[in-house]
Amino acid sequence: MPRARRAEEEILRRPDPQGYYVIPIHAPGPREQREAQELAREHGAMVEYAGDVMLLRVKARAAAKRLLEEARRRGLSLAY
């Protein structure tokens, strides 16, 4: 199983203590940041910044799964 797929499964395994699924997106440049912000806006995710990593937080597992699929389609990499 590819490493990225394992990381996605780990993200979807269980939410954090506040009940959110947290998707860490590696966004070092302006293009990646813009794409990740647009992705978060489209899916109603909250955004937190941690250096070059953007943390997208959603409550629903299905929304997290769609977010991960769309991030993969857009060429965004997980910071995992």
PDB file of N, CA and C in Angstrom:
ATOM      1  N   MET A   1       0.855  -1.184   0.000  1.00  0.00           N
ATOM      2  CA  MET A   1       0.000   0.000   0.000  1.00  0.00           C
ATOM      3  C   MET A   1       0.895   1.239   0.000  1.00  0.00           C
ATOM      4  N   PRO A   2       0.650   2.183  -0.907  1.00  0.00           N
ATOM      5  CA  PRO A   2       1.462   3.394  -0.955  1.00  0.00           C
ATOM      6  C   PRO A   2       1.380   4.192   0.349  1.00  0.00           C
ATOM      7  N   ARG A   3       2.446   4.900   0.629  1.00  0.00           N
ATOM      8  CA  ARG A   3       2.540   5.674   1.865  1.00  0.00           C
ATOM      9  C   ARG A   3       1.431   6.718   1.983  1.00  0.00           C
ATOM     10  N   ALA A   4       1.129   7.403   0.879  1.00  0.00           N
ATOM     11  CA  ALA A   4       0.085   8.434   0.910  1.00  0.00           C
ATOM     12  C   ALA A   4      -1.270   7.839   1.263  1.00  0.00           C
ATOM     13  N   ARG A   5      -1.556   6.665   0.723  1.00  0.00           N
ATOM     14  CA  ARG A   5      -2.845   6.015   0.999  1.00  0.00           C
ATOM     15  C   ARG A   5      -2.936   5.629   2.478  1.00  0.00           C
ATOM     16  N   ARG A   6      -1.820   5.131   3.039  1.00  0.00           N
ATOM     17  CA  ARG A   6      -1.799   4.796   4.466  1.00  0.00           C
ATOM     18  C   ARG A   6      -2.019   6.035   5.325  1.00  0.00           C
ATOM     19  N   ALA A   7      -1.421   7.151   4.917  1.00  0.00           N
ATOM     20  CA  ALA A   7      -1.589   8.404   5.659  1.00  0.00           C
ATOM     21  C   ALA A   7      -3.057   8.834   5.634  1.00  0.00           C
ATOM     22  N   GLU A   8      -3.711   8.695   4.485  1.00  0.00           N
ATOM     23  CA  GLU A   8      -5.130   9.055   4.378  1.00  0.00           C
ATOM     24  C   GLU A   8      -5.978   8.177   5.298  1.00  0.00           C
ATOM     25  N   GLU A   9      -5.680   6.892   5.330  1.00  0.00           N
ATOM     26  CA  GLU A   9      -6.434   5.992   6.204  1.00  0.00           C
ATOM     27  C   GLU A   9      -6.240   6.360   7.671  1.00  0.00           C
ATOM     28  N   GLU A  10      -5.018   6.740   8.024  1.00  0.00           N
ATOM     29  CA  GLU A  10      -4.731   7.139   9.408  1.00  0.00           C
ATOM     30  C   GLU A  10      -5.510   8.411   9.780  1.00  0.00           C
ATOM     31  N   ILE A  11      -5.597   9.344   8.854  1.00  0.00           N
ATOM     32  CA  ILE A  11      -6.336  10.589   9.095  1.00  0.00           C
ATOM     33  C   ILE A  11      -7.814  10.290   9.319  1.00  0.00           C
ATOM     34  N   LEU A  12      -8.363   9.362   8.542  1.00  0.00           N
ATOM     35  CA  LEU A  12      -9.790   9.045   8.627  1.00  0.00           C
ATOM     36  C   LEU A  12     -10.118   8.059   9.743  1.00  0.00           C
ATOM     37  N   ARG A  13      -9.106   7.498  10.379  1.00  0.00           N
ATOM     38  CA  ARG A  13      -9.337   6.475  11.394  1.00  0.00           C
ATOM     39  C   ARG A  13     -10.167   7.001  12.560  1.00  0.00           C
ATOM     40  N   ARG A  14      -9.763   8.133  13.120  1.00  0.00           N
ATOM     41  CA  ARG A  14     -10.547   8.706  14.218  1.00  0.00           C
ATOM     42  C   ARG A  14     -10.293  10.211  14.313  1.00  0.00           C
ATOM     43  N   PRO A  15     -11.296  10.918  14.797  1.00  0.00           N
ATOM     44  CA  PRO A  15     -11.153  12.383  14.920  1.00  0.00           C
ATOM     45  C   PRO A  15     -10.293  12.759  16.124  1.00  0.00           C
ATOM     46  N   ASP A  16      -9.913  14.040  16.174  1.00  0.00           N
ATOM     47  CA  ASP A  16      -9.156  14.538  17.326  1.00  0.00           C
ATOM     48  C   ASP A  16     -10.100  14.662  18.530  1.00  0.00           C
ATOM     49  N   PRO A  17      -9.614  15.020  19.694  1.00  0.00           N
ATOM     50  CA  PRO A  17     -10.467  15.097  20.890  1.00  0.00           C
ATOM     51  C   PRO A  17     -11.655  16.058  20.773  1.00  0.00           C
ATOM     52  N   GLN A  18     -11.557  17.064  19.914  1.00  0.00           N
ATOM     53  CA  GLN A  18     -12.670  17.999  19.726  1.00  0.00           C
ATOM     54  C   GLN A  18     -13.680  17.481  18.705  1.00  0.00           C
ATOM     55  N   GLY A  19     -13.406  16.331  18.094  1.00  0.00           N
ATOM     56  CA  GLY A  19     -14.335  15.742  17.140  1.00  0.00           C
ATOM     57  C   GLY A  19     -14.084  16.118  15.695  1.00  0.00           C
ATOM     58  N   TYR A  20     -12.936  16.706  15.399  1.00  0.00           N
ATOM     59  CA  TYR A  20     -12.616  17.118  14.031  1.00  0.00           C
ATOM     60  C   TYR A  20     -11.636  16.144  13.384  1.00  0.00           C
ATOM     61  N   TYR A  21     -11.808  15.938  12.084  1.00  0.00           N
ATOM     62  CA  TYR A  21     -10.810  15.227  11.297  1.00  0.00           C
ATOM     63  C   TYR A  21      -9.847  16.295  10.793  1.00  0.00           C
ATOM     64  N   VAL A  22      -8.559  16.093  10.998  1.00  0.00           N
ATOM     65  CA  VAL A  22      -7.548  17.095  10.666  1.00  0.00           C
ATOM     66  C   VAL A  22      -6.731  16.602   9.480  1.00  0.00           C
ATOM     67  N   ILE A  23      -6.751  17.392   8.407  1.00  0.00           N
ATOM     68  CA  ILE A  23      -6.012  17.057   7.191  1.00  0.00           C
ATOM     69  C   ILE A  23      -4.843  18.031   7.076  1.00  0.00           C
ATOM     70  N   PRO A  24      -3.602  17.550   7.262  1.00  0.00           N
ATOM     71  CA  PRO A  24      -2.430  18.433   7.153  1.00  0.00           C
ATOM     72  C   PRO A  24      -1.965  18.514   5.694  1.00  0.00           C
ATOM     73  N   ILE A  25      -1.995  19.698   5.136  1.00  0.00           N
ATOM     74  CA  ILE A  25      -1.580  19.920   3.743  1.00  0.00           C
ATOM     75  C   ILE A  25      -0.255  20.677   3.744  1.00  0.00           C
ATOM     76  N   HIS A  26       0.737  20.133   3.031  1.00  0.00           N
ATOM     77  CA  HIS A  26       2.026  20.804   2.899  1.00  0.00           C
ATOM     78  C   HIS A  26       1.849  21.924   1.875  1.00  0.00           C
ATOM     79  N   ALA A  27       1.983  23.172   2.325  1.00  0.00           N
ATOM     80  CA  ALA A  27       1.746  24.323   1.445  1.00  0.00           C
ATOM     81  C   ALA A  27       2.869  25.344   1.593  1.00  0.00           C
ATOM     82  N   PRO A  28       4.053  25.041   1.020  1.00  0.00           N
ATOM     83  CA  PRO A  28       5.187  25.949   1.188  1.00  0.00           C
ATOM     84  C   PRO A  28       5.118  27.205   0.328  1.00  0.00           C
ATOM     85  N   GLY A  29       4.453  27.132  -0.811  1.00  0.00           N
ATOM     86  CA  GLY A  29       4.428  28.266  -1.728  1.00  0.00           C
ATOM     87  C   GLY A  29       3.058  28.885  -1.853  1.00  0.00           C
ATOM     88  N   PRO A  30       2.982  30.031  -2.522  1.00  0.00           N
ATOM     89  CA  PRO A  30       1.699  30.731  -2.672  1.00  0.00           C
ATOM     90  C   PRO A  30       0.667  29.933  -3.466  1.00  0.00           C
ATOM     91  N   ARG A  31       1.099  29.150  -4.471  1.00  0.00           N
ATOM     92  CA  ARG A  31       0.152  28.358  -5.245  1.00  0.00           C
ATOM     93  C   ARG A  31      -0.513  27.312  -4.369  1.00  0.00           C
ATOM     94  N   GLU A  32       0.287  26.594  -3.583  1.00  0.00           N
ATOM     95  CA  GLU A  32      -0.256  25.560  -2.705  1.00  0.00           C
ATOM     96  C   GLU A  32      -1.167  26.160  -1.642  1.00  0.00           C
ATOM     97  N   GLN A  33      -0.768  27.306  -1.092  1.00  0.00           N
ATOM     98  CA  GLN A  33      -1.598  27.963  -0.076  1.00  0.00           C
ATOM     99  C   GLN A  33      -2.933  28.396  -0.665  1.00  0.00           C
ATOM    100  N   ARG A  34      -2.893  28.962  -1.859  1.00  0.00           N
ATOM    101  CA  ARG A  34      -4.116  29.411  -2.518  1.00  0.00           C
ATOM    102  C   ARG A  34      -5.036  28.214  -2.807  1.00  0.00           C
ATOM    103  N   GLU A  35      -4.453  27.130  -3.322  1.00  0.00           N
ATOM    104  CA  GLU A  35      -5.234  25.922  -3.612  1.00  0.00           C
ATOM    105  C   GLU A  35      -5.851  25.352  -2.340  1.00  0.00           C
ATOM    106  N   ALA A  36      -5.073  25.285  -1.266  1.00  0.00           N
ATOM    107  CA  ALA A  36      -5.568  24.720  -0.008  1.00  0.00           C
ATOM    108  C   ALA A  36      -6.663  25.605   0.593  1.00  0.00           C
ATOM    109  N   GLN A  37      -6.508  26.927   0.512  1.00  0.00           N
ATOM    110  CA  GLN A  37      -7.540  27.832   1.024  1.00  0.00           C
ATOM    111  C   GLN A  37      -8.827  27.697   0.219  1.00  0.00           C
ATOM    112  N   GLU A  38      -8.694  27.590  -1.081  1.00  0.00           N
ATOM    113  CA  GLU A  38      -9.871  27.421  -1.942  1.00  0.00           C
ATOM    114  C   GLU A  38     -10.566  26.088  -1.626  1.00  0.00           C
ATOM    115  N   LEU A  39      -9.785  25.053  -1.452  1.00  0.00           N
ATOM    116  CA  LEU A  39     -10.306  23.735  -1.102  1.00  0.00           C
ATOM    117  C   LEU A  39     -11.054  23.787   0.236  1.00  0.00           C
ATOM    118  N   ALA A  40     -10.477  24.447   1.216  1.00  0.00           N
ATOM    119  CA  ALA A  40     -11.118  24.575   2.529  1.00  0.00           C
ATOM    120  C   ALA A  40     -12.432  25.344   2.414  1.00  0.00           C
ATOM    121  N   ARG A  41     -12.438  26.406   1.646  1.00  0.00           N
ATOM    122  CA  ARG A  41     -13.645  27.218   1.471  1.00  0.00           C
ATOM    123  C   ARG A  41     -14.756  26.403   0.803  1.00  0.00           C
ATOM    124  N   GLU A  42     -14.383  25.622  -0.220  1.00  0.00           N
ATOM    125  CA  GLU A  42     -15.369  24.811  -0.940  1.00  0.00           C
ATOM    126  C   GLU A  42     -16.011  23.745  -0.054  1.00  0.00           C
ATOM    127  N   HIS A  43     -15.244  23.232   0.898  1.00  0.00           N
ATOM    128  CA  HIS A  43     -15.730  22.135   1.744  1.00  0.00           C
ATOM    129  C   HIS A  43     -16.108  22.578   3.152  1.00  0.00           C
ATOM    130  N   GLY A  44     -16.091  23.871   3.404  1.00  0.00           N
ATOM    131  CA  GLY A  44     -16.486  24.396   4.704  1.00  0.00           C
ATOM    132  C   GLY A  44     -15.556  23.998   5.838  1.00  0.00           C
ATOM    133  N   ALA A  45     -14.273  23.857   5.538  1.00  0.00           N
ATOM    134  CA  ALA A  45     -13.293  23.450   6.542  1.00  0.00           C
ATOM    135  C   ALA A  45     -12.703  24.674   7.241  1.00  0.00           C
ATOM    136  N   MET A  46     -12.375  24.486   8.513  1.00  0.00           N
ATOM    137  CA  MET A  46     -11.643  25.517   9.242  1.00  0.00           C
ATOM    138  C   MET A  46     -10.168  25.371   8.884  1.00  0.00           C
ATOM    139  N   VAL A  47      -9.434  26.483   8.870  1.00  0.00           N
ATOM    140  CA  VAL A  47      -8.021  26.456   8.496  1.00  0.00           C
ATOM    141  C   VAL A  47      -7.177  26.962   9.656  1.00  0.00           C
ATOM    142  N   GLU A  48      -6.110  26.219   9.958  1.00  0.00           N
ATOM    143  CA  GLU A  48      -5.117  26.643  10.937  1.00  0.00           C
ATOM    144  C   GLU A  48      -3.760  26.567  10.255  1.00  0.00           C
ATOM    145  N   TYR A  49      -2.862  27.456  10.628  1.00  0.00           N
ATOM    146  CA  TYR A  49      -1.536  27.488  10.024  1.00  0.00           C
ATOM    147  C   TYR A  49      -0.489  27.039  11.036  1.00  0.00           C
ATOM    148  N   ALA A  50       0.451  26.232  10.563  1.00  0.00           N
ATOM    149  CA  ALA A  50       1.568  25.773  11.383  1.00  0.00           C
ATOM    150  C   ALA A  50       2.806  25.747  10.492  1.00  0.00           C
ATOM    151  N   GLY A  51       3.426  26.901  10.298  1.00  0.00           N
ATOM    152  CA  GLY A  51       4.585  26.987   9.410  1.00  0.00           C
ATOM    153  C   GLY A  51       4.168  26.764   7.966  1.00  0.00           C
ATOM    154  N   ASP A  52       4.798  25.788   7.309  1.00  0.00           N
ATOM    155  CA  ASP A  52       4.486  25.465   5.916  1.00  0.00           C
ATOM    156  C   ASP A  52       3.302  24.511   5.792  1.00  0.00           C
ATOM    157  N   VAL A  53       2.679  24.197   6.903  1.00  0.00           N
ATOM    158  CA  VAL A  53       1.578  23.238   6.903  1.00  0.00           C
ATOM    159  C   VAL A  53       0.266  23.958   7.200  1.00  0.00           C
ATOM    160  N   MET A  54      -0.747  23.655   6.395  1.00  0.00           N
ATOM    161  CA  MET A  54      -2.093  24.166   6.650  1.00  0.00           C
ATOM    162  C   MET A  54      -2.914  22.997   7.165  1.00  0.00           C
ATOM    163  N   LEU A  55      -3.562  23.187   8.290  1.00  0.00           N
ATOM    164  CA  LEU A  55      -4.401  22.149   8.868  1.00  0.00           C
ATOM    165  C   LEU A  55      -5.851  22.462   8.529  1.00  0.00           C
ATOM    166  N   LEU A  56      -6.472  21.593   7.766  1.00  0.00           N
ATOM    167  CA  LEU A  56      -7.876  21.750   7.409  1.00  0.00           C
ATOM    168  C   LEU A  56      -8.679  20.853   8.337  1.00  0.00           C
ATOM    169  N   ARG A  57      -9.656  21.419   9.033  1.00  0.00           N
ATOM    170  CA  ARG A  57     -10.416  20.682  10.043  1.00  0.00           C
ATOM    171  C   ARG A  57     -11.889  20.641   9.663  1.00  0.00           C
ATOM    172  N   VAL A  58     -12.436  19.416   9.634  1.00  0.00           N
ATOM    173  CA  VAL A  58     -13.855  19.222   9.336  1.00  0.00           C
ATOM    174  C   VAL A  58     -14.444  18.237  10.332  1.00  0.00           C
ATOM    175  N   LYS A  59     -15.741  18.346  10.583  1.00  0.00           N
ATOM    176  CA  LYS A  59     -16.417  17.471  11.542  1.00  0.00           C
ATOM    177  C   LYS A  59     -16.792  16.118  10.952  1.00  0.00           C
ATOM    178  N   ALA A  60     -17.254  16.094   9.725  1.00  0.00           N
ATOM    179  CA  ALA A  60     -17.788  14.866   9.128  1.00  0.00           C
ATOM    180  C   ALA A  60     -16.692  14.046   8.443  1.00  0.00           C
ATOM    181  N   ARG A  61     -16.728  12.754   8.660  1.00  0.00           N
ATOM    182  CA  ARG A  61     -15.764  11.851   8.034  1.00  0.00           C
ATOM    183  C   ARG A  61     -15.911  11.875   6.514  1.00  0.00           C
ATOM    184  N   ALA A  62     -17.136  11.919   6.034  1.00  0.00           N
ATOM    185  CA  ALA A  62     -17.370  11.959   4.591  1.00  0.00           C
ATOM    186  C   ALA A  62     -16.769  13.224   3.976  1.00  0.00           C
ATOM    187  N   ALA A  63     -16.897  14.339   4.666  1.00  0.00           N
ATOM    188  CA  ALA A  63     -16.310  15.594   4.170  1.00  0.00           C
ATOM    189  C   ALA A  63     -14.787  15.494   4.161  1.00  0.00           C
ATOM    190  N   ALA A  64     -14.213  14.860   5.178  1.00  0.00           N
ATOM    191  CA  ALA A  64     -12.761  14.678   5.229  1.00  0.00           C
ATOM    192  C   ALA A  64     -12.301  13.810   4.069  1.00  0.00           C
ATOM    193  N   LYS A  65     -13.053  12.767   3.770  1.00  0.00           N
ATOM    194  CA  LYS A  65     -12.699  11.879   2.664  1.00  0.00           C
ATOM    195  C   LYS A  65     -12.748  12.620   1.331  1.00  0.00           C
ATOM    196  N   ARG A  66     -13.809  13.423   1.123  1.00  0.00           N
ATOM    197  CA  ARG A  66     -13.909  14.221  -0.114  1.00  0.00           C
ATOM    198  C   ARG A  66     -12.766  15.226  -0.203  1.00  0.00           C
ATOM    199  N   LEU A  67     -12.426  15.841   0.933  1.00  0.00           N
ATOM    200  CA  LEU A  67     -11.328  16.809   0.979  1.00  0.00           C
ATOM    201  C   LEU A  67     -10.015  16.143   0.570  1.00  0.00           C
ATOM    202  N   LEU A  68      -9.746  14.964   1.102  1.00  0.00           N
ATOM    203  CA  LEU A  68      -8.521  14.239   0.752  1.00  0.00           C
ATOM    204  C   LEU A  68      -8.481  13.890  -0.732  1.00  0.00           C
ATOM    205  N   GLU A  69      -9.599  13.429  -1.270  1.00  0.00           N
ATOM    206  CA  GLU A  69      -9.653  13.078  -2.694  1.00  0.00           C
ATOM    207  C   GLU A  69      -9.414  14.296  -3.573  1.00  0.00           C
ATOM    208  N   GLU A  70     -10.043  15.400  -3.221  1.00  0.00           N
ATOM    209  CA  GLU A  70      -9.887  16.629  -4.006  1.00  0.00           C
ATOM    210  C   GLU A  70      -8.464  17.175  -3.892  1.00  0.00           C
ATOM    211  N   ALA A  71      -7.869  17.090  -2.715  1.00  0.00           N
ATOM    212  CA  ALA A  71      -6.484  17.546  -2.532  1.00  0.00           C
ATOM    213  C   ALA A  71      -5.549  16.729  -3.420  1.00  0.00           C
ATOM    214  N   ARG A  72      -5.775  15.425  -3.488  1.00  0.00           N
ATOM    215  CA  ARG A  72      -4.959  14.556  -4.344  1.00  0.00           C
ATOM    216  C   ARG A  72      -5.128  14.957  -5.808  1.00  0.00           C
ATOM    217  N   ARG A  73      -6.367  15.218  -6.236  1.00  0.00           N
ATOM    218  CA  ARG A  73      -6.632  15.624  -7.625  1.00  0.00           C
ATOM    219  C   ARG A  73      -5.930  16.927  -7.981  1.00  0.00           C
ATOM    220  N   ARG A  74      -5.872  17.838  -6.998  1.00  0.00           N
ATOM    221  CA  ARG A  74      -5.237  19.148  -7.250  1.00  0.00           C
ATOM    222  C   ARG A  74      -3.724  19.119  -7.102  1.00  0.00           C
ATOM    223  N   GLY A  75      -3.183  17.984  -6.728  1.00  0.00           N
ATOM    224  CA  GLY A  75      -1.725  17.873  -6.609  1.00  0.00           C
ATOM    225  C   GLY A  75      -1.168  18.379  -5.300  1.00  0.00           C
ATOM    226  N   LEU A  76      -2.004  18.527  -4.290  1.00  0.00           N
ATOM    227  CA  LEU A  76      -1.534  18.950  -2.963  1.00  0.00           C
ATOM    228  C   LEU A  76      -1.048  17.727  -2.188  1.00  0.00           C
ATOM    229  N   SER A  77       0.048  17.877  -1.489  1.00  0.00           N
ATOM    230  CA  SER A  77       0.592  16.738  -0.755  1.00  0.00           C
ATOM    231  C   SER A  77       0.283  16.861   0.735  1.00  0.00           C
ATOM    232  N   LEU A  78       0.115  15.709   1.355  1.00  0.00           N
ATOM    233  CA  LEU A  78      -0.123  15.672   2.793  1.00  0.00           C
ATOM    234  C   LEU A  78       1.182  15.890   3.529  1.00  0.00           C
ATOM    235  N   ALA A  79       1.113  16.602   4.629  1.00  0.00           N
ATOM    236  CA  ALA A  79       2.281  16.804   5.489  1.00  0.00           C
ATOM    237  C   ALA A  79       2.180  15.778   6.605  1.00  0.00           C
ATOM    238  N   TYR A  80       2.520  14.571   6.272  1.00  0.00           N
ATOM    239  CA  TYR A  80       2.341  13.483   7.227  1.00  0.00           C
ATOM    240  C   TYR A  80       3.598  12.706   7.373  1.00  0.00           C
TER     241      TYR A  80
END
